[in-house]
């Protein structure tokens, strides 16, 4: 059974930092491109950051310079380090695993990040 479990969300003040984790099981992690997405209230889900099986990385413009995505293939886990958080970063953050070369995707259930003073 495939599972993606996000953790690390919470309430943080503007300018603060959080580190999100997405632990996976039931997949061959090294065969999956991994992405972090977010969905704010009333908005569509959007890509935040993406890391491929080979380690290539892309960021949304809103994340560049503030967020860092990484993966630990030994732990089957992908991370999102978020610094200099802003109120507009408030959203539910989701992890997505996409099998390389196929249209097979798995999603986690999300973790809520609230940036507020």
Protein backbone atom coordinates (compact mmCIF):
# COMPACT_ATOMS: atom_id res chain seq x y z
CA UNK A 1 0.00 0.00 0.00
CA UNK A 2 1.37 3.37 -1.04
CA UNK A 3 1.55 6.01 1.66
CA UNK A 4 2.81 9.57 1.61
CA UNK A 5 2.71 11.20 5.01
CA UNK A 6 3.49 14.89 5.39
CA UNK A 7 4.56 16.42 8.68
CA UNK A 8 6.13 19.56 10.03
CA UNK A 9 3.35 22.06 9.44
CA UNK A 10 2.09 24.44 12.07
CA UNK A 11 1.71 28.04 13.08
CA UNK A 12 4.68 30.31 12.55
CA UNK A 13 5.19 34.04 12.66
CA UNK A 14 6.09 36.01 9.54
CA UNK A 15 9.80 35.71 8.87
CA UNK A 16 9.97 32.34 10.58
CA UNK A 17 10.94 28.94 9.25
CA UNK A 18 9.47 25.49 8.98
CA UNK A 19 10.75 22.22 7.63
CA UNK A 20 8.21 19.93 6.04
CA UNK A 21 8.82 16.23 5.60
CA UNK A 22 7.09 13.70 3.40
CA UNK A 23 7.79 10.12 4.33
CA UNK A 24 6.88 7.57 1.69
CA UNK A 25 6.29 3.85 1.77
CA UNK A 26 5.08 1.28 -0.71
CA UNK A 27 6.96 2.80 -3.65
CA UNK A 28 10.44 2.51 -5.09
CA UNK A 29 11.33 6.01 -3.99
CA UNK A 30 14.28 6.44 -6.33
CA UNK A 31 11.97 5.92 -9.33
CA UNK A 32 9.72 8.82 -8.39
CA UNK A 33 9.96 12.50 -9.05
CA UNK A 34 8.80 14.33 -5.95
CA UNK A 35 6.93 17.58 -5.63
CA UNK A 36 5.56 19.89 -2.99
CA UNK A 37 2.30 21.63 -3.79
CA UNK A 38 0.12 23.95 -1.79
CA UNK A 39 -3.47 25.02 -1.76
CA UNK A 40 -4.61 28.18 -0.05
CA UNK A 41 -8.25 28.74 0.88
CA UNK A 42 -10.29 29.55 -2.20
CA UNK A 43 -7.37 28.97 -4.54
CA UNK A 44 -6.21 26.21 -6.83
CA UNK A 45 -3.48 23.85 -5.86
CA UNK A 46 -0.11 25.04 -7.15
CA UNK A 47 3.36 23.64 -7.50
CA UNK A 48 5.87 24.97 -4.98
CA UNK A 49 8.97 22.89 -5.65
CA UNK A 50 9.96 19.79 -7.56
CA UNK A 51 12.92 17.42 -7.42
CA UNK A 52 13.48 14.75 -10.01
CA UNK A 53 14.90 11.28 -9.63
CA UNK A 54 18.24 12.66 -10.81
CA UNK A 55 18.15 15.57 -8.40
CA UNK A 56 17.12 18.31 -10.81
CA UNK A 57 15.17 20.99 -8.99
CA UNK A 58 12.60 23.58 -9.96
CA UNK A 59 10.87 26.19 -7.84
CA UNK A 60 7.84 28.34 -8.28
CA UNK A 61 8.79 32.00 -8.47
CA UNK A 62 7.17 32.54 -5.08
CA UNK A 63 9.51 29.98 -3.53
CA UNK A 64 12.80 30.93 -5.14
CA UNK A 65 15.38 32.13 -2.66
CA UNK A 66 13.30 31.17 0.36
CA UNK A 67 12.45 27.47 0.04
CA UNK A 68 14.73 24.49 -0.47
CA UNK A 69 13.58 21.07 -1.57
CA UNK A 70 15.70 18.01 -0.94
CA UNK A 71 15.36 14.27 -0.90
CA UNK A 72 16.94 11.51 1.14
CA UNK A 73 16.75 8.34 -0.91
CA UNK A 74 17.97 6.25 2.00
CA UNK A 75 15.02 7.41 4.09
CA UNK A 76 12.46 7.52 1.25
CA UNK A 77 11.70 11.06 2.33
CA UNK A 78 11.46 14.45 0.67
CA UNK A 79 11.83 17.71 2.56
CA UNK A 80 10.87 21.32 2.08
CA UNK A 81 12.81 23.86 4.10
CA UNK A 82 10.86 27.09 4.18
CA UNK A 83 12.50 30.29 5.38
CA UNK A 84 11.37 33.91 5.52
CA UNK A 85 7.77 32.80 5.59
CA UNK A 86 5.06 35.25 4.64
CA UNK A 87 1.34 35.31 5.42
CA UNK A 88 0.68 34.49 1.77
CA UNK A 89 2.49 31.17 2.28
CA UNK A 90 -0.43 30.04 4.42
CA UNK A 91 -1.85 26.91 2.82
CA UNK A 92 -2.17 23.18 3.06
CA UNK A 93 1.05 21.71 1.70
CA UNK A 94 0.88 18.43 -0.17
CA UNK A 95 3.51 15.98 -1.25
CA UNK A 96 3.22 14.26 -4.64
CA UNK A 97 5.12 11.31 -6.02
CA UNK A 98 5.19 10.85 -9.80
CA UNK A 99 6.59 7.70 -11.32
CA UNK A 100 9.28 8.63 -13.82
CA UNK A 101 8.13 8.04 -17.39
CA UNK A 102 4.56 7.18 -16.45
CA UNK A 103 1.39 9.05 -15.53
CA UNK A 104 1.17 7.49 -12.12
CA UNK A 105 0.85 9.91 -9.23
CA UNK A 106 0.34 9.56 -5.53
CA UNK A 107 -0.61 12.31 -3.10
CA UNK A 108 -0.32 12.76 0.59
CA UNK A 109 -3.13 14.16 2.72
CA UNK A 110 -1.37 17.42 3.40
CA UNK A 111 -0.06 19.43 6.31
CA UNK A 112 -1.33 22.88 7.24
CA UNK A 113 1.06 25.80 7.37
CA UNK A 114 -0.24 29.00 8.90
CA UNK A 115 1.89 32.13 8.83
CA UNK A 116 0.46 34.73 11.15
CA UNK A 117 1.43 37.07 13.92
